[in-house]
Protein backbone atom coordinates (compact mmCIF):
# COMPACT_ATOMS: atom_id res chain seq x y z
CA UNK A 1 -189.53 -39.74 50.81
CA UNK A 2 -185.85 -39.62 49.81
CA UNK A 3 -185.21 -38.42 46.29
CA UNK A 4 -182.94 -40.66 44.21
CA UNK A 5 -180.03 -40.00 41.87
CA UNK A 6 -182.07 -41.46 39.02
CA UNK A 7 -185.00 -39.12 39.66
CA UNK A 8 -182.76 -36.06 39.71
CA UNK A 9 -180.99 -37.15 36.55
CA UNK A 10 -184.27 -37.65 34.70
CA UNK A 11 -185.47 -34.18 35.75
CA UNK A 12 -182.11 -32.59 34.92
CA UNK A 13 -182.16 -33.92 31.38
CA UNK A 14 -185.30 -31.90 30.74
CA UNK A 15 -183.60 -28.60 31.49
CA UNK A 16 -179.83 -29.13 31.22
CA UNK A 17 -178.19 -30.62 28.09
CA UNK A 18 -177.35 -34.21 28.98
CA UNK A 19 -178.50 -33.50 32.53
CA UNK A 20 -175.10 -32.10 33.50
CA UNK A 21 -173.17 -28.84 33.34
CA UNK A 22 -169.88 -30.43 32.29
CA UNK A 23 -169.85 -33.46 29.95
CA UNK A 24 -167.75 -36.00 31.85
CA UNK A 25 -170.19 -35.83 34.78
CA UNK A 26 -172.83 -37.57 32.67
CA UNK A 27 -171.25 -41.05 33.12
CA UNK A 28 -171.66 -41.55 29.38
CA UNK A 29 -168.19 -43.12 29.15
CA UNK A 30 -168.78 -45.62 31.96
CA UNK A 31 -172.56 -45.99 31.71
CA UNK A 32 -175.11 -45.77 34.47
CA UNK A 33 -176.63 -42.91 36.42
CA UNK A 34 -174.54 -39.98 37.67
CA UNK A 35 -174.31 -39.50 41.41
CA UNK A 36 -175.83 -36.26 42.71
CA UNK A 37 -173.90 -35.06 45.75
CA UNK A 38 -175.31 -33.17 48.69
CA UNK A 39 -172.43 -32.41 51.05
CA UNK A 40 -168.80 -33.25 51.72
CA UNK A 41 -166.41 -33.29 54.66
CA UNK A 42 -162.73 -34.09 54.57
CA UNK A 43 -161.95 -37.01 52.24
CA UNK A 44 -165.58 -38.05 51.83
CA UNK A 45 -168.88 -36.84 50.45
CA UNK A 46 -172.50 -37.97 50.55
CA UNK A 47 -175.06 -38.28 47.77
CA UNK A 48 -178.72 -37.28 47.89
CA UNK A 49 -179.64 -40.84 48.89
CA UNK A 50 -177.42 -40.59 51.98
CA UNK A 51 -174.66 -42.93 50.77
CA UNK A 52 -171.09 -41.93 51.60
CA UNK A 53 -168.08 -42.21 49.29
CA UNK A 54 -164.34 -41.81 49.66
CA UNK A 55 -163.59 -39.15 47.06
CA UNK A 56 -160.66 -39.40 44.62
CA UNK A 57 -161.91 -36.67 42.27
CA UNK A 58 -161.79 -33.69 44.62
CA UNK A 59 -163.84 -31.46 42.29
CA UNK A 60 -161.32 -32.46 39.57
CA UNK A 61 -158.33 -31.21 41.53
CA UNK A 62 -159.05 -28.00 43.48
CA UNK A 63 -159.85 -29.58 46.86
CA UNK A 64 -156.28 -30.29 47.92
CA UNK A 65 -157.32 -29.70 51.55
CA UNK A 66 -160.43 -31.87 51.26
CA UNK A 67 -164.10 -30.97 51.38
CA UNK A 68 -165.32 -28.07 53.55
CA UNK A 69 -161.99 -27.35 55.21
CA UNK A 70 -162.97 -25.26 58.25
CA UNK A 71 -160.42 -22.50 57.66
CA UNK A 72 -161.40 -22.14 54.00
CA UNK A 73 -165.09 -22.08 54.92
CA UNK A 74 -164.41 -19.42 57.55
CA UNK A 75 -162.57 -17.03 55.22
CA UNK A 76 -165.19 -17.52 52.50
CA UNK A 77 -167.96 -16.64 54.94
CA UNK A 78 -166.02 -13.60 56.17
CA UNK A 79 -165.34 -12.38 52.64
CA UNK A 80 -168.94 -12.90 51.52
CA UNK A 81 -170.20 -10.93 54.50
CA UNK A 82 -168.23 -7.92 53.25
CA UNK A 83 -169.49 -8.18 49.67
CA UNK A 84 -169.61 -10.87 47.01
CA UNK A 85 -168.30 -8.80 44.11
CA UNK A 86 -167.02 -5.28 43.48
CA UNK A 87 -165.81 -5.18 39.88
CA UNK A 88 -163.03 -2.97 41.20
CA UNK A 89 -159.55 -3.53 42.68
CA UNK A 90 -159.10 -4.98 46.17
CA UNK A 91 -156.06 -5.38 48.40
CA UNK A 92 -156.65 -9.15 48.45
CA UNK A 93 -156.07 -9.34 44.68
CA UNK A 94 -152.67 -7.76 45.18
CA UNK A 95 -151.92 -10.11 48.05
CA UNK A 96 -152.58 -13.25 46.03
CA UNK A 97 -150.71 -11.87 43.01
CA UNK A 98 -147.67 -11.17 45.18
CA UNK A 99 -147.92 -14.63 46.72
CA UNK A 100 -148.14 -16.38 43.36
CA UNK A 101 -145.12 -14.47 42.06
CA UNK A 102 -143.18 -15.30 45.21
CA UNK A 103 -143.99 -19.01 45.06
CA UNK A 104 -143.29 -19.37 41.32
CA UNK A 105 -140.02 -17.74 40.20
CA UNK A 106 -141.16 -17.76 36.55
CA UNK A 107 -143.99 -15.35 37.38
CA UNK A 108 -143.03 -11.69 37.26
CA UNK A 109 -146.58 -10.49 36.69
CA UNK A 110 -149.94 -12.25 36.84
CA UNK A 111 -153.53 -11.61 35.75
CA UNK A 112 -156.45 -13.19 37.63
CA UNK A 113 -159.38 -14.66 35.69
CA UNK A 114 -162.33 -16.94 36.48
CA UNK A 115 -161.55 -20.29 34.79
CA UNK A 116 -158.79 -22.38 33.31
CA UNK A 117 -160.35 -22.04 29.88
CA UNK A 118 -160.27 -18.25 30.19
CA UNK A 119 -156.64 -18.35 31.32
CA UNK A 120 -155.68 -20.62 28.41
CA UNK A 121 -157.37 -18.61 25.69
CA UNK A 122 -155.93 -15.38 27.12
CA UNK A 123 -152.40 -16.78 27.25
CA UNK A 124 -152.66 -17.87 23.60
CA UNK A 125 -153.94 -14.45 22.53
CA UNK A 126 -151.14 -12.80 24.50
CA UNK A 127 -148.50 -15.04 22.90
CA UNK A 128 -149.76 -14.19 19.43
CA UNK A 129 -149.93 -10.50 20.24
CA UNK A 130 -146.43 -10.44 21.72
CA UNK A 131 -144.73 -12.40 18.92
CA UNK A 132 -146.80 -11.15 15.99
CA UNK A 133 -147.16 -14.79 14.87
CA UNK A 134 -150.18 -17.04 14.46
CA UNK A 135 -149.13 -20.69 14.76
CA UNK A 136 -149.58 -22.61 18.01
CA UNK A 137 -148.25 -26.07 18.84
CA UNK A 138 -150.28 -28.31 21.14
CA UNK A 139 -150.09 -32.05 21.81
CA UNK A 140 -152.57 -34.82 21.16
CA UNK A 141 -154.56 -35.73 24.25
CA UNK A 142 -153.75 -32.49 26.08
CA UNK A 143 -156.75 -30.37 27.03
CA UNK A 144 -156.37 -26.63 27.60
CA UNK A 145 -160.00 -25.62 27.96
CA UNK A 146 -162.77 -25.30 25.40
CA UNK A 147 -161.26 -22.41 23.44
CA UNK A 148 -161.96 -22.91 19.73
CA UNK A 149 -158.31 -22.83 18.66
CA UNK A 150 -157.36 -25.58 21.11
CA UNK A 151 -160.21 -28.07 20.60
CA UNK A 152 -158.16 -30.15 18.21
CA UNK A 153 -157.40 -33.72 19.27
CA UNK A 154 -158.07 -32.62 22.81
CA UNK A 155 -158.21 -34.68 25.97
CA UNK A 156 -160.64 -34.60 28.90
CA UNK A 157 -164.34 -34.81 28.02
CA UNK A 158 -163.64 -34.44 24.31
CA UNK A 159 -161.57 -37.61 24.46
CA UNK A 160 -164.04 -39.43 26.68
CA UNK A 161 -166.80 -39.03 24.13
CA UNK A 162 -164.66 -40.01 21.18
CA UNK A 163 -164.85 -36.58 19.51
CA UNK A 164 -161.38 -35.07 19.85
CA UNK A 165 -162.50 -32.05 17.83
CA UNK A 166 -165.69 -30.15 18.59
CA UNK A 167 -168.50 -29.30 16.21
CA UNK A 168 -169.07 -25.57 15.87
CA UNK A 169 -165.38 -24.76 15.48
CA UNK A 170 -164.69 -23.24 12.02
CA UNK A 171 -161.83 -24.85 10.10
CA UNK A 172 -160.13 -21.47 9.70
CA UNK A 173 -160.07 -21.07 13.49
CA UNK A 174 -157.83 -24.09 13.97
CA UNK A 175 -155.78 -23.88 10.77
CA UNK A 176 -152.91 -22.30 12.72
CA UNK A 177 -152.96 -25.00 15.44
CA UNK A 178 -150.34 -27.71 14.95
CA UNK A 179 -151.00 -30.97 16.81
CA UNK A 180 -147.98 -33.13 17.65
CA UNK A 181 -147.45 -36.33 19.63
CA UNK A 182 -146.83 -35.92 23.35
CA UNK A 183 -143.27 -36.83 24.38
CA UNK A 184 -142.15 -36.99 20.71
CA UNK A 185 -138.91 -35.01 20.61
CA UNK A 186 -138.19 -35.83 16.97
CA UNK A 187 -141.57 -34.51 15.82
CA UNK A 188 -141.12 -31.24 17.71
CA UNK A 189 -137.62 -30.74 16.29
CA UNK A 190 -138.82 -31.36 12.73
CA UNK A 191 -141.73 -28.93 13.13
CA UNK A 192 -139.52 -26.14 14.44
CA UNK A 193 -136.99 -26.82 11.70
CA UNK A 194 -139.70 -26.23 9.08
CA UNK A 195 -141.86 -23.57 10.72
CA UNK A 196 -139.93 -22.13 13.64
CA UNK A 197 -140.20 -18.51 12.51
CA UNK A 198 -144.02 -18.81 12.36
CA UNK A 199 -144.64 -20.39 15.77
CA UNK A 200 -145.98 -18.02 18.40
CA UNK A 201 -146.07 -20.53 21.24
CA UNK A 202 -146.01 -24.11 22.42
CA UNK A 203 -148.63 -24.99 25.02
CA UNK A 204 -148.24 -28.20 27.00
CA UNK A 205 -149.33 -29.93 30.19
CA UNK A 206 -146.03 -30.82 31.94
CA UNK A 207 -147.88 -33.71 33.51
CA UNK A 208 -150.83 -34.50 31.29
CA UNK A 209 -153.98 -35.13 33.29
CA UNK A 210 -156.67 -35.04 30.65
CA UNK A 211 -155.84 -38.27 28.84
CA UNK A 212 -155.33 -39.87 32.24
CA UNK A 213 -152.02 -39.08 33.92
CA UNK A 214 -149.04 -39.13 31.56
CA UNK A 215 -145.67 -37.76 32.64
CA UNK A 216 -143.67 -35.62 30.29
CA UNK A 217 -140.20 -37.04 29.67
CA UNK A 218 -137.61 -34.56 31.00
CA UNK A 219 -135.87 -34.44 27.60
CA UNK A 220 -139.20 -33.57 25.97
CA UNK A 221 -139.72 -30.46 28.10
CA UNK A 222 -136.04 -29.50 27.86
CA UNK A 223 -136.29 -29.68 24.07
CA UNK A 224 -139.39 -27.50 24.06
CA UNK A 225 -137.60 -24.90 26.18
CA UNK A 226 -134.50 -24.93 23.97
CA UNK A 227 -136.42 -24.69 20.69
CA UNK A 228 -138.73 -21.93 21.91
CA UNK A 229 -135.75 -19.87 23.02
CA UNK A 230 -133.90 -20.47 19.77
CA UNK A 231 -136.83 -19.52 17.54
CA UNK A 232 -138.31 -16.68 19.59
CA UNK A 233 -141.47 -18.63 20.48
CA UNK A 234 -143.09 -18.63 23.91
CA UNK A 235 -143.30 -21.76 26.06
CA UNK A 236 -146.63 -21.94 27.89
CA UNK A 237 -146.94 -24.49 30.69
CA UNK A 238 -150.55 -25.37 31.40
CA UNK A 239 -150.45 -25.96 35.13
CA UNK A 240 -154.17 -25.62 35.73
CA UNK A 241 -154.12 -29.18 37.04
CA UNK A 242 -150.54 -29.54 38.28
CA UNK A 243 -150.22 -26.06 39.77
CA UNK A 244 -149.64 -26.37 43.54
CA UNK A 245 -150.94 -29.93 43.27
CA UNK A 246 -147.67 -31.76 42.53
CA UNK A 247 -145.42 -29.49 44.58
CA UNK A 248 -145.06 -25.98 45.96
CA UNK A 249 -143.24 -24.86 42.81
CA UNK A 250 -145.65 -26.83 40.63
CA UNK A 251 -144.46 -29.15 37.84
CA UNK A 252 -142.03 -26.54 36.52
CA UNK A 253 -140.19 -26.79 39.83
CA UNK A 254 -140.10 -30.59 39.67
CA UNK A 255 -138.72 -30.53 36.12
CA UNK A 256 -136.51 -27.46 36.49
CA UNK A 257 -138.14 -25.81 33.45
CA UNK A 258 -138.78 -22.06 33.28
CA UNK A 259 -141.73 -21.22 31.01
CA UNK A 260 -142.44 -17.84 29.48
CA UNK A 261 -146.09 -18.06 30.54
CA UNK A 262 -147.88 -20.26 33.06
CA UNK A 263 -151.59 -21.05 33.30
CA UNK A 264 -152.93 -21.75 36.79
CA UNK A 265 -156.33 -22.78 38.14
CA UNK A 266 -158.08 -25.30 40.38
CA UNK A 267 -155.97 -25.24 43.60
CA UNK A 268 -155.40 -21.48 43.52
CA UNK A 269 -159.17 -20.95 43.85
CA UNK A 270 -159.56 -23.29 46.80
CA UNK A 271 -162.70 -24.80 45.25
CA UNK A 272 -164.14 -21.52 43.98
CA UNK A 273 -163.99 -20.23 40.37
CA UNK A 274 -160.59 -18.60 39.95
CA UNK A 275 -157.63 -19.06 37.62
CA UNK A 276 -154.66 -17.01 36.46
CA UNK A 277 -152.02 -16.64 33.81
CA UNK A 278 -148.67 -14.95 34.21
CA UNK A 279 -145.02 -14.93 33.35
CA UNK A 280 -142.33 -12.66 31.97
CA UNK A 281 -142.84 -8.96 32.64
CA UNK A 282 -142.14 -7.90 29.05
CA UNK A 283 -144.78 -10.33 27.80
CA UNK A 284 -147.40 -9.51 30.44
CA UNK A 285 -147.03 -5.77 29.84
CA UNK A 286 -148.54 -6.33 26.39
CA UNK A 287 -151.90 -6.79 28.13
CA UNK A 288 -154.43 -3.96 28.28
CA UNK A 289 -154.40 -1.39 29.79
CA UNK A 290 -150.63 -1.28 29.26
CA UNK A 291 -150.51 -2.88 25.83
CA UNK A 292 -152.59 -3.78 22.78
CA UNK A 293 -153.73 -7.31 23.79
CA UNK A 294 -157.22 -7.03 25.25
CA UNK A 295 -158.48 -9.19 28.09
CA UNK A 296 -161.14 -8.37 30.67
CA UNK A 297 -163.57 -10.07 33.05
CA UNK A 298 -166.33 -8.80 35.33
CA UNK A 299 -165.64 -11.37 38.05
CA UNK A 300 -161.85 -11.50 37.69
CA UNK A 301 -160.30 -11.33 41.15
CA UNK A 302 -163.64 -12.03 42.83
CA UNK A 303 -163.11 -11.34 46.56
CA UNK A 304 -164.75 -14.55 47.78
CA UNK A 305 -162.72 -16.74 45.42
CA UNK A 306 -159.53 -14.85 46.26
CA UNK A 307 -160.15 -15.43 49.96
CA UNK A 308 -160.54 -19.17 49.42
CA UNK A 309 -157.43 -19.26 47.25
CA UNK A 310 -155.29 -17.31 49.69
CA UNK A 311 -156.21 -19.56 52.59
CA UNK A 312 -155.56 -22.70 50.54
CA UNK A 313 -152.17 -21.42 49.43
CA UNK A 314 -151.31 -20.56 53.04
CA UNK A 315 -152.21 -24.08 54.19
CA UNK A 316 -150.12 -25.88 51.57
CA UNK A 317 -147.00 -23.94 52.59
CA UNK A 318 -146.94 -25.86 55.89
CA UNK A 319 -143.57 -27.66 56.17
CA UNK A 320 -143.85 -31.27 55.02
CA UNK A 321 -147.27 -30.77 53.41
CA UNK A 322 -146.29 -32.12 50.00
CA UNK A 323 -144.11 -34.89 51.44
CA UNK A 324 -147.12 -36.23 53.33
CA UNK A 325 -149.50 -35.74 50.40
CA UNK A 326 -147.14 -37.47 47.98
CA UNK A 327 -146.58 -40.38 50.37
CA UNK A 328 -150.32 -40.91 50.81
CA UNK A 329 -150.88 -40.82 47.05
CA UNK A 330 -148.07 -43.33 46.46
CA UNK A 331 -149.54 -45.57 49.14
CA UNK A 332 -152.75 -45.63 47.11
CA UNK A 333 -151.11 -46.34 43.74
CA UNK A 334 -148.60 -48.85 45.10
CA UNK A 335 -151.37 -50.60 47.00
CA UNK A 336 -153.69 -50.80 44.00
CA UNK A 337 -150.87 -52.19 41.88
CA UNK A 338 -150.05 -54.77 44.55
CA UNK A 339 -153.60 -56.09 44.94
CA UNK A 340 -154.07 -56.17 41.16
CA UNK A 341 -150.86 -58.18 40.78
CA UNK A 342 -151.95 -60.57 43.51
CA UNK A 343 -155.21 -61.17 41.66
CA UNK A 344 -153.48 -61.45 38.26
CA UNK A 345 -155.18 -58.38 36.76
CA UNK A 346 -153.36 -56.41 34.06
CA UNK A 347 -153.07 -53.08 35.84
CA UNK A 348 -150.61 -50.28 36.58
CA UNK A 349 -150.65 -46.96 38.39
CA UNK A 350 -148.41 -43.99 39.10
CA UNK A 351 -148.42 -40.79 41.13
CA UNK A 352 -146.95 -37.30 40.94
CA UNK A 353 -147.48 -35.29 44.10
CA UNK A 354 -151.19 -35.42 44.87
CA UNK A 355 -152.16 -36.60 41.36
CA UNK A 356 -152.41 -40.19 40.20
CA UNK A 357 -153.30 -42.31 37.21
CA UNK A 358 -154.68 -45.84 37.07
CA UNK A 359 -154.54 -47.90 33.88
CA UNK A 360 -155.74 -51.33 32.83
CA UNK A 361 -152.50 -52.12 31.02
CA UNK A 362 -149.25 -53.66 32.26
CA UNK A 363 -147.27 -50.42 32.50
CA UNK A 364 -148.07 -46.70 32.76
CA UNK A 365 -148.49 -45.02 29.36
CA UNK A 366 -145.99 -42.53 27.99
CA UNK A 367 -148.07 -41.28 25.05
CA UNK A 368 -151.60 -40.80 23.79
CA UNK A 369 -151.27 -43.97 21.72
CA UNK A 370 -150.37 -46.03 24.78
CA UNK A 371 -153.27 -44.49 26.74
CA UNK A 372 -155.62 -45.71 24.05
CA UNK A 373 -154.24 -49.26 24.45
CA UNK A 374 -155.69 -49.50 27.96
CA UNK A 375 -158.65 -51.81 28.53
CA UNK A 376 -161.52 -49.35 28.88
CA UNK A 377 -164.12 -52.07 29.44
CA UNK A 378 -162.13 -53.34 32.41
CA UNK A 379 -161.92 -49.79 33.79
CA UNK A 380 -165.68 -49.32 33.45
CA UNK A 381 -166.33 -52.54 35.37
CA UNK A 382 -163.83 -51.50 38.02
CA UNK A 383 -165.37 -48.03 38.33
CA UNK A 384 -168.89 -49.33 38.97
CA UNK A 385 -167.72 -52.09 41.32
CA UNK A 386 -165.76 -49.57 43.39
CA UNK A 387 -168.69 -47.16 43.33
CA UNK A 388 -170.83 -49.85 44.96
CA UNK A 389 -168.09 -50.20 47.56
CA UNK A 390 -168.36 -46.48 48.34
CA UNK A 391 -165.20 -45.44 46.46
CA UNK A 392 -165.56 -42.61 43.94
CA UNK A 393 -162.99 -42.51 41.14
CA UNK A 394 -163.29 -40.28 38.07
CA UNK A 395 -166.04 -41.64 35.77
CA UNK A 396 -163.72 -41.91 32.79
CA UNK A 397 -160.63 -43.91 31.88
CA UNK A 398 -159.12 -40.66 30.55
CA UNK A 399 -158.98 -38.60 33.73
CA UNK A 400 -156.35 -38.31 36.42
CA UNK A 401 -157.32 -38.78 40.06
CA UNK A 402 -156.53 -36.74 43.17
CA UNK A 403 -155.70 -37.36 46.80
CA UNK A 404 -156.20 -34.60 49.36
CA UNK A 405 -154.51 -33.75 52.64
CA UNK A 406 -157.68 -35.00 54.34
CA UNK A 407 -157.07 -38.56 53.14
CA UNK A 408 -155.57 -40.68 55.89
CA UNK A 409 -154.34 -44.24 56.21
CA UNK A 410 -157.90 -45.20 57.11
CA UNK A 411 -159.38 -44.05 53.77
CA UNK A 412 -156.51 -45.53 51.77
CA UNK A 413 -156.74 -48.86 53.59
CA UNK A 414 -160.50 -49.03 53.03
CA UNK A 415 -159.95 -48.31 49.34
CA UNK A 416 -157.34 -51.05 49.00
CA UNK A 417 -159.54 -53.57 50.81
CA UNK A 418 -162.38 -52.75 48.45
CA UNK A 419 -160.09 -53.00 45.43
CA UNK A 420 -158.87 -56.41 46.57
CA UNK A 421 -162.45 -57.65 46.66
CA UNK A 422 -163.14 -56.19 43.22
CA UNK A 423 -159.93 -57.48 41.63
CA UNK A 424 -160.53 -60.95 43.10
CA UNK A 425 -163.61 -61.08 40.90
CA UNK A 426 -161.34 -60.14 37.95
CA UNK A 427 -163.47 -56.96 37.61
């Protein structure tokens, strides 16, 4: 007898809070029963009931090569056969650190960690330790992990559930966190004018992906860079999502912005738990054991994760890789917009590299406020209708989507045909 998604979900809720190990997986925003997946290959994966889906989540970004890429699987198996963890230095750690610094000119030194949250909290601690200041600027709708100091008007799951701030975070923990509007140059200028000498760092997603996809205006990022330099604050680009996903030099290469610190994750682990933070040598040398800012992790630089990351980074350096990935992603967003227009559905979409956003509003949003103007009920109907068609989008109107190198014209065409059927019913 085949077990069902519903049966697994009911059992999971007895032992796992909400039945899931990360909130957005619970389908609470869209309703219904979460899908429990069993295996994946290329652009598709299969649930425990045997149904196949074209995947536009890609483990929330890491699987830029698709599911179970044979070369990644091979190096993971080889690495695991030699030992799953050492808690000591390896040559592979040096290799990936050198590669990251070579690919990103802003990185002079880098520290490997196990998650984007860990990288974010460590970068904030480092910025405060380096500058001797306490205040941090973040932007409404941007999510930088579940660090206490940054769970203020956050995006991602916190936004999905309508609780931008988390319970369990003491008021004094976030009193030094200033929350401004994304893409609001005037607000940033006014804040620096009043408090510039107290600001340790500005942390920002250069392409926001945790309130759906919202592009930073070039002038916005340029202003952040100018003001941080002027006032002695550090500019931290959170590229956990955009890093090696929107281009080989990440979003900072697309925008021509040089941060003081960069946070990386997702793609650099090739689907395994690995992240990193790095930047200017003088800043990074404040980290222990060289400096007074402490950071440590038992599984940092895990050899199996490093192997997966190295192979993934090798693959994406293939000439034309990002041109092809970007073209395939644009084919998806342009096609969805076209069939929505044909069926007179208020809809828009946009893409940056291998990331995309879909919105039930007439034009792509440029701010958190505009994101919130989207028709979430229409998205929920669309999500479930496409799920029945075997198309898996993120189960939240506040999450970006992802296309992988494994997606071909065939998968995109099937998706657009399904969307045309769904939109014809006015979702």
